């Protein structure tokens, strides 16, 4: 590791390219976090939106199934109570 740690290496001005690949010397620093999802430099915006929409669809289906199960349970409970009430009358 010490082979390349010379004075020239330590004092060299290292430049880093912006994520977009375009340098903007006159604008100063750019805030990567405030970019819109359409300008995502990594191309993950579409994947994230697709994932979120799929999760939303799954949650909606689970809610519908839960409501149906609840309604079935309440109907069954009401029928059982009716049968029990009829048995007590006899």
PDB file of N, CA and C in Angstrom:
ATOM      1  N   UNK A   1       0.824  -1.188   0.000  1.00  0.00           N
ATOM      2  CA  UNK A   1       0.000   0.000   0.000  1.00  0.00           C
ATOM      3  C   UNK A   1       0.872   1.257   0.000  1.00  0.00           C
ATOM      4  N   UNK A   2       1.989   1.181   0.617  1.00  0.00           N
ATOM      5  CA  UNK A   2       2.861   2.341   0.683  1.00  0.00           C
ATOM      6  C   UNK A   2       3.594   2.605  -0.629  1.00  0.00           C
ATOM      7  N   UNK A   3       3.516   1.703  -1.579  1.00  0.00           N
ATOM      8  CA  UNK A   3       4.208   1.879  -2.856  1.00  0.00           C
ATOM      9  C   UNK A   3       3.696   3.093  -3.619  1.00  0.00           C
ATOM     10  N   UNK A   4       2.402   3.344  -3.565  1.00  0.00           N
ATOM     11  CA  UNK A   4       1.860   4.440  -4.364  1.00  0.00           C
ATOM     12  C   UNK A   4       1.569   5.683  -3.538  1.00  0.00           C
ATOM     13  N   UNK A   5       1.789   5.683  -2.253  1.00  0.00           N
ATOM     14  CA  UNK A   5       1.497   6.844  -1.411  1.00  0.00           C
ATOM     15  C   UNK A   5       2.692   7.801  -1.391  1.00  0.00           C
ATOM     16  N   UNK A   6       2.941   8.419  -2.516  1.00  0.00           N
ATOM     17  CA  UNK A   6       4.034   9.385  -2.626  1.00  0.00           C
ATOM     18  C   UNK A   6       3.479  10.785  -2.405  1.00  0.00           C
ATOM     19  N   UNK A   7       4.342  11.754  -2.321  1.00  0.00           N
ATOM     20  CA  UNK A   7       3.922  13.140  -2.148  1.00  0.00           C
ATOM     21  C   UNK A   7       3.063  13.601  -3.317  1.00  0.00           C
ATOM     22  N   UNK A   8       3.436  13.192  -4.525  1.00  0.00           N
ATOM     23  CA  UNK A   8       2.662  13.573  -5.700  1.00  0.00           C
ATOM     24  C   UNK A   8       1.235  13.020  -5.618  1.00  0.00           C
ATOM     25  N   UNK A   9       1.118  11.773  -5.169  1.00  0.00           N
ATOM     26  CA  UNK A   9      -0.197  11.152  -5.069  1.00  0.00           C
ATOM     27  C   UNK A   9      -1.041  11.844  -3.999  1.00  0.00           C
ATOM     28  N   UNK A  10      -0.457  12.122  -2.863  1.00  0.00           N
ATOM     29  CA  UNK A  10      -1.208  12.725  -1.767  1.00  0.00           C
ATOM     30  C   UNK A  10      -1.620  14.160  -2.060  1.00  0.00           C
ATOM     31  N   UNK A  11      -0.835  14.878  -2.825  1.00  0.00           N
ATOM     32  CA  UNK A  11      -1.126  16.280  -3.106  1.00  0.00           C
ATOM     33  C   UNK A  11      -1.890  16.501  -4.410  1.00  0.00           C
ATOM     34  N   UNK A  12      -2.130  15.443  -5.146  1.00  0.00           N
ATOM     35  CA  UNK A  12      -2.792  15.577  -6.436  1.00  0.00           C
ATOM     36  C   UNK A  12      -4.246  16.004  -6.255  1.00  0.00           C
ATOM     37  N   UNK A  13      -4.695  16.870  -7.142  1.00  0.00           N
ATOM     38  CA  UNK A  13      -6.076  17.321  -7.117  1.00  0.00           C
ATOM     39  C   UNK A  13      -6.930  16.258  -7.816  1.00  0.00           C
ATOM     40  N   UNK A  14      -7.726  15.549  -7.059  1.00  0.00           N
ATOM     41  CA  UNK A  14      -8.558  14.480  -7.622  1.00  0.00           C
ATOM     42  C   UNK A  14      -9.942  15.057  -7.913  1.00  0.00           C
ATOM     43  N   UNK A  15     -10.355  14.926  -9.138  1.00  0.00           N
ATOM     44  CA  UNK A  15     -11.666  15.422  -9.548  1.00  0.00           C
ATOM     45  C   UNK A  15     -12.638  14.257  -9.687  1.00  0.00           C
ATOM     46  N   UNK A  16     -13.845  14.506  -9.243  1.00  0.00           N
ATOM     47  CA  UNK A  16     -14.891  13.482  -9.314  1.00  0.00           C
ATOM     48  C   UNK A  16     -15.976  13.994 -10.240  1.00  0.00           C
ATOM     49  N   UNK A  17     -16.378  13.164 -11.168  1.00  0.00           N
ATOM     50  CA  UNK A  17     -17.427  13.538 -12.109  1.00  0.00           C
ATOM     51  C   UNK A  17     -18.787  13.472 -11.446  1.00  0.00           C
ATOM     52  N   UNK A  18     -19.691  14.379 -11.772  1.00  0.00           N
ATOM     53  CA  UNK A  18     -21.045  14.291 -11.217  1.00  0.00           C
ATOM     54  C   UNK A  18     -21.768  13.060 -11.771  1.00  0.00           C
ATOM     55  N   UNK A  19     -22.791  12.631 -11.070  1.00  0.00           N
ATOM     56  CA  UNK A  19     -23.510  11.429 -11.476  1.00  0.00           C
ATOM     57  C   UNK A  19     -24.124  11.549 -12.863  1.00  0.00           C
ATOM     58  N   UNK A  20     -24.549  12.741 -13.223  1.00  0.00           N
ATOM     59  CA  UNK A  20     -25.181  12.911 -14.520  1.00  0.00           C
ATOM     60  C   UNK A  20     -24.175  12.831 -15.659  1.00  0.00           C
ATOM     61  N   UNK A  21     -22.882  12.978 -15.369  1.00  0.00           N
ATOM     62  CA  UNK A  21     -21.868  12.928 -16.404  1.00  0.00           C
ATOM     63  C   UNK A  21     -21.623  14.270 -17.057  1.00  0.00           C
ATOM     64  N   UNK A  22     -22.380  15.282 -16.648  1.00  0.00           N
ATOM     65  CA  UNK A  22     -22.220  16.620 -17.206  1.00  0.00           C
ATOM     66  C   UNK A  22     -21.690  17.514 -16.097  1.00  0.00           C
ATOM     67  N   UNK A  23     -20.630  18.213 -16.378  1.00  0.00           N
ATOM     68  CA  UNK A  23     -20.084  19.105 -15.350  1.00  0.00           C
ATOM     69  C   UNK A  23     -20.749  20.464 -15.455  1.00  0.00           C
ATOM     70  N   UNK A  24     -21.017  21.060 -14.305  1.00  0.00           N
ATOM     71  CA  UNK A  24     -21.654  22.378 -14.246  1.00  0.00           C
ATOM     72  C   UNK A  24     -20.820  23.255 -13.322  1.00  0.00           C
ATOM     73  N   UNK A  25     -19.750  23.783 -13.821  1.00  0.00           N
ATOM     74  CA  UNK A  25     -18.837  24.551 -12.992  1.00  0.00           C
ATOM     75  C   UNK A  25     -19.472  25.840 -12.483  1.00  0.00           C
ATOM     76  N   UNK A  26     -20.363  26.450 -13.262  1.00  0.00           N
ATOM     77  CA  UNK A  26     -20.926  27.738 -12.865  1.00  0.00           C
ATOM     78  C   UNK A  26     -22.074  27.598 -11.864  1.00  0.00           C
ATOM     79  N   UNK A  27     -22.669  26.424 -11.759  1.00  0.00           N
ATOM     80  CA  UNK A  27     -23.801  26.252 -10.843  1.00  0.00           C
ATOM     81  C   UNK A  27     -23.365  25.855  -9.433  1.00  0.00           C
ATOM     82  N   UNK A  28     -22.166  25.469  -9.257  1.00  0.00           N
ATOM     83  CA  UNK A  28     -21.709  25.048  -7.939  1.00  0.00           C
ATOM     84  C   UNK A  28     -22.153  23.634  -7.654  1.00  0.00           C
ATOM     85  N   UNK A  29     -22.407  23.368  -6.413  1.00  0.00           N
ATOM     86  CA  UNK A  29     -22.798  22.020  -6.022  1.00  0.00           C
ATOM     87  C   UNK A  29     -24.259  21.762  -6.410  1.00  0.00           C
ATOM     88  N   UNK A  30     -24.516  20.551  -6.846  1.00  0.00           N
ATOM     89  CA  UNK A  30     -25.886  20.171  -7.157  1.00  0.00           C
ATOM     90  C   UNK A  30     -26.372  19.236  -6.069  1.00  0.00           C
ATOM     91  N   UNK A  31     -27.636  19.336  -5.755  1.00  0.00           N
ATOM     92  CA  UNK A  31     -28.218  18.476  -4.730  1.00  0.00           C
ATOM     93  C   UNK A  31     -28.859  17.274  -5.417  1.00  0.00           C
ATOM     94  N   UNK A  32     -28.261  16.132  -5.235  1.00  0.00           N
ATOM     95  CA  UNK A  32     -28.725  14.903  -5.891  1.00  0.00           C
ATOM     96  C   UNK A  32     -30.080  14.487  -5.344  1.00  0.00           C
ATOM     97  N   UNK A  33     -30.334  14.749  -4.072  1.00  0.00           N
ATOM     98  CA  UNK A  33     -31.552  14.270  -3.426  1.00  0.00           C
ATOM     99  C   UNK A  33     -32.797  15.013  -3.888  1.00  0.00           C
ATOM    100  N   UNK A  34     -32.661  16.204  -4.429  1.00  0.00           N
ATOM    101  CA  UNK A  34     -33.811  16.984  -4.849  1.00  0.00           C
ATOM    102  C   UNK A  34     -34.187  16.768  -6.307  1.00  0.00           C
ATOM    103  N   UNK A  35     -33.545  15.848  -6.980  1.00  0.00           N
ATOM    104  CA  UNK A  35     -33.876  15.587  -8.373  1.00  0.00           C
ATOM    105  C   UNK A  35     -35.188  14.844  -8.453  1.00  0.00           C
ATOM    106  N   UNK A  36     -35.918  15.101  -9.521  1.00  0.00           N
ATOM    107  CA  UNK A  36     -37.175  14.384  -9.690  1.00  0.00           C
ATOM    108  C   UNK A  36     -36.901  12.940 -10.074  1.00  0.00           C
ATOM    109  N   UNK A  37     -37.924  12.110  -9.931  1.00  0.00           N
ATOM    110  CA  UNK A  37     -37.736  10.687 -10.207  1.00  0.00           C
ATOM    111  C   UNK A  37     -37.480  10.423 -11.693  1.00  0.00           C
ATOM    112  N   UNK A  38     -37.880  11.344 -12.558  1.00  0.00           N
ATOM    113  CA  UNK A  38     -37.633  11.151 -13.984  1.00  0.00           C
ATOM    114  C   UNK A  38     -36.159  11.338 -14.329  1.00  0.00           C
ATOM    115  N   UNK A  39     -35.434  12.069 -13.508  1.00  0.00           N
ATOM    116  CA  UNK A  39     -34.020  12.325 -13.759  1.00  0.00           C
ATOM    117  C   UNK A  39     -33.131  11.429 -12.913  1.00  0.00           C
ATOM    118  N   UNK A  40     -33.639  10.309 -12.497  1.00  0.00           N
ATOM    119  CA  UNK A  40     -32.866   9.397 -11.647  1.00  0.00           C
ATOM    120  C   UNK A  40     -31.660   8.891 -12.422  1.00  0.00           C
ATOM    121  N   UNK A  41     -30.449   9.187 -11.935  1.00  0.00           N
ATOM    122  CA  UNK A  41     -29.257   8.791 -12.693  1.00  0.00           C
ATOM    123  C   UNK A  41     -29.047   7.285 -12.738  1.00  0.00           C
ATOM    124  N   UNK A  42     -29.661   6.559 -11.816  1.00  0.00           N
ATOM    125  CA  UNK A  42     -29.468   5.118 -11.778  1.00  0.00           C
ATOM    126  C   UNK A  42     -30.583   4.351 -12.482  1.00  0.00           C
ATOM    127  N   UNK A  43     -31.644   5.029 -12.890  1.00  0.00           N
ATOM    128  CA  UNK A  43     -32.729   4.371 -13.602  1.00  0.00           C
ATOM    129  C   UNK A  43     -33.605   3.511 -12.713  1.00  0.00           C
ATOM    130  N   UNK A  44     -33.655   3.806 -11.421  1.00  0.00           N
ATOM    131  CA  UNK A  44     -34.437   3.006 -10.488  1.00  0.00           C
ATOM    132  C   UNK A  44     -35.846   3.535 -10.288  1.00  0.00           C
ATOM    133  N   UNK A  45     -36.170   4.680 -10.824  1.00  0.00           N
ATOM    134  CA  UNK A  45     -37.475   5.285 -10.581  1.00  0.00           C
ATOM    135  C   UNK A  45     -38.588   4.389 -11.099  1.00  0.00           C
ATOM    136  N   UNK A  46     -38.454   3.858 -12.293  1.00  0.00           N
ATOM    137  CA  UNK A  46     -39.500   3.018 -12.854  1.00  0.00           C
ATOM    138  C   UNK A  46     -39.657   1.736 -12.048  1.00  0.00           C
ATOM    139  N   UNK A  47     -38.548   1.164 -11.620  1.00  0.00           N
ATOM    140  CA  UNK A  47     -38.608  -0.057 -10.814  1.00  0.00           C
ATOM    141  C   UNK A  47     -39.291   0.206  -9.486  1.00  0.00           C
ATOM    142  N   UNK A  48     -38.971   1.336  -8.864  1.00  0.00           N
ATOM    143  CA  UNK A  48     -39.580   1.670  -7.581  1.00  0.00           C
ATOM    144  C   UNK A  48     -41.076   1.916  -7.736  1.00  0.00           C
ATOM    145  N   UNK A  49     -41.466   2.636  -8.776  1.00  0.00           N
ATOM    146  CA  UNK A  49     -42.881   2.902  -9.007  1.00  0.00           C
ATOM    147  C   UNK A  49     -43.633   1.614  -9.282  1.00  0.00           C
ATOM    148  N   UNK A  50     -43.043   0.731 -10.061  1.00  0.00           N
ATOM    149  CA  UNK A  50     -43.678  -0.550 -10.360  1.00  0.00           C
ATOM    150  C   UNK A  50     -43.837  -1.375  -9.086  1.00  0.00           C
ATOM    151  N   UNK A  51     -42.775  -1.416  -8.270  1.00  0.00           N
ATOM    152  CA  UNK A  51     -42.831  -2.160  -7.015  1.00  0.00           C
ATOM    153  C   UNK A  51     -43.927  -1.604  -6.106  1.00  0.00           C
ATOM    154  N   UNK A  52     -43.979  -0.271  -5.980  1.00  0.00           N
ATOM    155  CA  UNK A  52     -44.983   0.356  -5.121  1.00  0.00           C
ATOM    156  C   UNK A  52     -46.394   0.087  -5.615  1.00  0.00           C
ATOM    157  N   UNK A  53     -46.610   0.153  -6.920  1.00  0.00           N
ATOM    158  CA  UNK A  53     -47.949  -0.102  -7.449  1.00  0.00           C
ATOM    159  C   UNK A  53     -48.349  -1.560  -7.261  1.00  0.00           C
ATOM    160  N   UNK A  54     -47.388  -2.478  -7.415  1.00  0.00           N
ATOM    161  CA  UNK A  54     -47.695  -3.892  -7.193  1.00  0.00           C
ATOM    162  C   UNK A  54     -48.042  -4.146  -5.722  1.00  0.00           C
ATOM    163  N   UNK A  55     -47.310  -3.523  -4.816  1.00  0.00           N
ATOM    164  CA  UNK A  55     -47.598  -3.674  -3.384  1.00  0.00           C
ATOM    165  C   UNK A  55     -48.963  -3.091  -3.054  1.00  0.00           C
ATOM    166  N   UNK A  56     -49.321  -1.983  -3.682  1.00  0.00           N
ATOM    167  CA  UNK A  56     -50.632  -1.371  -3.450  1.00  0.00           C
ATOM    168  C   UNK A  56     -51.742  -2.304  -3.914  1.00  0.00           C
ATOM    169  N   UNK A  57     -51.555  -2.937  -5.068  1.00  0.00           N
ATOM    170  CA  UNK A  57     -52.543  -3.885  -5.583  1.00  0.00           C
ATOM    171  C   UNK A  57     -52.667  -5.076  -4.641  1.00  0.00           C
ATOM    172  N   UNK A  58     -51.542  -5.595  -4.160  1.00  0.00           N
ATOM    173  CA  UNK A  58     -51.565  -6.722  -3.229  1.00  0.00           C
ATOM    174  C   UNK A  58     -52.295  -6.357  -1.933  1.00  0.00           C
ATOM    175  N   UNK A  59     -52.040  -5.164  -1.418  1.00  0.00           N
ATOM    176  CA  UNK A  59     -52.705  -4.742  -0.180  1.00  0.00           C
ATOM    177  C   UNK A  59     -54.204  -4.588  -0.390  1.00  0.00           C
ATOM    178  N   UNK A  60     -54.612  -4.041  -1.554  1.00  0.00           N
ATOM    179  CA  UNK A  60     -56.040  -3.915  -1.849  1.00  0.00           C
ATOM    180  C   UNK A  60     -56.706  -5.282  -1.907  1.00  0.00           C
ATOM    181  N   UNK A  61     -56.051  -6.259  -2.532  1.00  0.00           N
ATOM    182  CA  UNK A  61     -56.602  -7.609  -2.599  1.00  0.00           C
ATOM    183  C   UNK A  61     -56.716  -8.223  -1.212  1.00  0.00           C
ATOM    184  N   UNK A  62     -55.706  -8.023  -0.378  1.00  0.00           N
ATOM    185  CA  UNK A  62     -55.743  -8.557   0.980  1.00  0.00           C
ATOM    186  C   UNK A  62     -56.870  -7.917   1.788  1.00  0.00           C
ATOM    187  N   UNK A  63     -57.102  -6.629   1.595  1.00  0.00           N
ATOM    188  CA  UNK A  63     -58.205  -5.952   2.295  1.00  0.00           C
ATOM    189  C   UNK A  63     -59.549  -6.522   1.866  1.00  0.00           C
ATOM    190  N   UNK A  64     -59.707  -6.738   0.561  1.00  0.00           N
ATOM    191  CA  UNK A  64     -60.960  -7.301   0.060  1.00  0.00           C
ATOM    192  C   UNK A  64     -61.190  -8.694   0.630  1.00  0.00           C
ATOM    193  N   UNK A  65     -60.135  -9.516   0.652  1.00  0.00           N
ATOM    194  CA  UNK A  65     -60.256 -10.865   1.201  1.00  0.00           C
ATOM    195  C   UNK A  65     -60.611 -10.816   2.686  1.00  0.00           C
ATOM    196  N   UNK A  66     -60.013  -9.892   3.429  1.00  0.00           N
ATOM    197  CA  UNK A  66     -60.301  -9.762   4.852  1.00  0.00           C
ATOM    198  C   UNK A  66     -61.753  -9.342   5.076  1.00  0.00           C
ATOM    199  N   UNK A  67     -62.266  -8.432   4.251  1.00  0.00           N
ATOM    200  CA  UNK A  67     -63.656  -8.005   4.377  1.00  0.00           C
ATOM    201  C   UNK A  67     -64.612  -9.156   4.084  1.00  0.00           C
ATOM    202  N   UNK A  68     -64.295  -9.930   3.053  1.00  0.00           N
ATOM    203  CA  UNK A  68     -65.148 -11.072   2.701  1.00  0.00           C
ATOM    204  C   UNK A  68     -65.143 -12.097   3.827  1.00  0.00           C
ATOM    205  N   UNK A  69     -63.991 -12.393   4.384  1.00  0.00           N
ATOM    206  CA  UNK A  69     -63.899 -13.346   5.496  1.00  0.00           C
ATOM    207  C   UNK A  69     -64.683 -12.847   6.706  1.00  0.00           C
ATOM    208  N   UNK A  70     -64.591 -11.556   6.983  1.00  0.00           N
ATOM    209  CA  UNK A  70     -65.319 -10.988   8.119  1.00  0.00           C
ATOM    210  C   UNK A  70     -66.822 -11.107   7.905  1.00  0.00           C
ATOM    211  N   UNK A  71     -67.288 -10.772   6.692  1.00  0.00           N
ATOM    212  CA  UNK A  71     -68.719 -10.879   6.390  1.00  0.00           C
ATOM    213  C   UNK A  71     -69.194 -12.319   6.508  1.00  0.00           C
ATOM    214  N   UNK A  72     -68.422 -13.264   5.987  1.00  0.00           N
ATOM    215  CA  UNK A  72     -68.784 -14.675   6.097  1.00  0.00           C
ATOM    216  C   UNK A  72     -68.845 -15.110   7.556  1.00  0.00           C
ATOM    217  N   UNK A  73     -67.877 -14.680   8.341  1.00  0.00           N
ATOM    218  CA  UNK A  73     -67.855 -15.031   9.759  1.00  0.00           C
ATOM    219  C   UNK A  73     -69.080 -14.481  10.474  1.00  0.00           C
ATOM    220  N   UNK A  74     -69.413 -13.213  10.200  1.00  0.00           N
ATOM    221  CA  UNK A  74     -70.577 -12.607  10.854  1.00  0.00           C
ATOM    222  C   UNK A  74     -71.872 -13.298  10.438  1.00  0.00           C
ATOM    223  N   UNK A  75     -71.994 -13.685   9.156  1.00  0.00           N
ATOM    224  CA  UNK A  75     -73.185 -14.404   8.696  1.00  0.00           C
ATOM    225  C   UNK A  75     -73.299 -15.759   9.388  1.00  0.00           C
ATOM    226  N   UNK A  76     -72.179 -16.460   9.472  1.00  0.00           N
ATOM    227  CA  UNK A  76     -72.173 -17.775  10.112  1.00  0.00           C
ATOM    228  C   UNK A  76     -72.519 -17.638  11.592  1.00  0.00           C
ATOM    229  N   UNK A  77     -71.980 -16.634  12.236  1.00  0.00           N
ATOM    230  CA  UNK A  77     -72.256 -16.404  13.653  1.00  0.00           C
ATOM    231  C   UNK A  77     -73.737 -16.095  13.861  1.00  0.00           C
ATOM    232  N   UNK A  78     -74.316 -15.287  12.986  1.00  0.00           N
ATOM    233  CA  UNK A  78     -75.742 -14.958  13.106  1.00  0.00           C
ATOM    234  C   UNK A  78     -76.597 -16.211  12.912  1.00  0.00           C
ATOM    235  N   UNK A  79     -76.246 -17.067  11.940  1.00  0.00           N
ATOM    236  CA  UNK A  79     -76.998 -18.305  11.724  1.00  0.00           C
ATOM    237  C   UNK A  79     -76.885 -19.232  12.933  1.00  0.00           C
ATOM    238  N   UNK A  80     -75.711 -19.346  13.500  1.00  0.00           N
ATOM    239  CA  UNK A  80     -75.525 -20.183  14.686  1.00  0.00           C
ATOM    240  C   UNK A  80     -76.351 -19.671  15.860  1.00  0.00           C
ATOM    241  N   UNK A  81     -76.396 -18.358  16.014  1.00  0.00           N
ATOM    242  CA  UNK A  81     -77.197 -17.780  17.096  1.00  0.00           C
ATOM    243  C   UNK A  81     -78.681 -18.038  16.875  1.00  0.00           C
ATOM    244  N   UNK A  82     -79.143 -17.962  15.619  1.00  0.00           N
ATOM    245  CA  UNK A  82     -80.549 -18.252  15.308  1.00  0.00           C
ATOM    246  C   UNK A  82     -80.881 -19.704  15.635  1.00  0.00           C
ATOM    247  N   UNK A  83     -80.008 -20.619  15.229  1.00  0.00           N
ATOM    248  CA  UNK A  83     -80.230 -22.037  15.504  1.00  0.00           C
ATOM    249  C   UNK A  83     -80.271 -22.286  17.011  1.00  0.00           C
ATOM    250  N   UNK A  84     -79.383 -21.676  17.752  1.00  0.00           N
ATOM    251  CA  UNK A  84     -79.350 -21.833  19.191  1.00  0.00           C
ATOM    252  C   UNK A  84     -80.612 -21.275  19.841  1.00  0.00           C
ATOM    253  N   UNK A  85     -81.081 -20.132  19.335  1.00  0.00           N
ATOM    254  CA  UNK A  85     -82.301 -19.518  19.859  1.00  0.00           C
ATOM    255  C   UNK A  85     -83.513 -20.417  19.577  1.00  0.00           C
ATOM    256  N   UNK A  86     -83.573 -21.042  18.385  1.00  0.00           N
ATOM    257  CA  UNK A  86     -84.677 -21.926  18.042  1.00  0.00           C
ATOM    258  C   UNK A  86     -84.660 -23.181  18.934  1.00  0.00           C
ATOM    259  N   UNK A  87     -83.464 -23.703  19.216  1.00  0.00           N
ATOM    260  CA  UNK A  87     -83.356 -24.871  20.076  1.00  0.00           C
ATOM    261  C   UNK A  87     -83.824 -24.551  21.492  1.00  0.00           C
ATOM    262  N   UNK A  88     -83.564 -23.374  21.974  1.00  0.00           N
ATOM    263  CA  UNK A  88     -83.976 -22.985  23.326  1.00  0.00           C
ATOM    264  C   UNK A  88     -85.489 -22.828  23.421  1.00  0.00           C
ATOM    265  N   UNK A  89     -86.135 -22.436  22.322  1.00  0.00           N
ATOM    266  CA  UNK A  89     -87.597 -22.280  22.306  1.00  0.00           C
ATOM    267  C   UNK A  89     -88.281 -23.635  22.429  1.00  0.00           C
ATOM    268  N   UNK A  90     -87.744 -24.656  21.884  1.00  0.00           N
ATOM    269  CA  UNK A  90     -88.394 -25.951  21.873  1.00  0.00           C
ATOM    270  C   UNK A  90     -88.269 -26.561  23.178  1.00  0.00           C
TER     271      UNK A  90
END
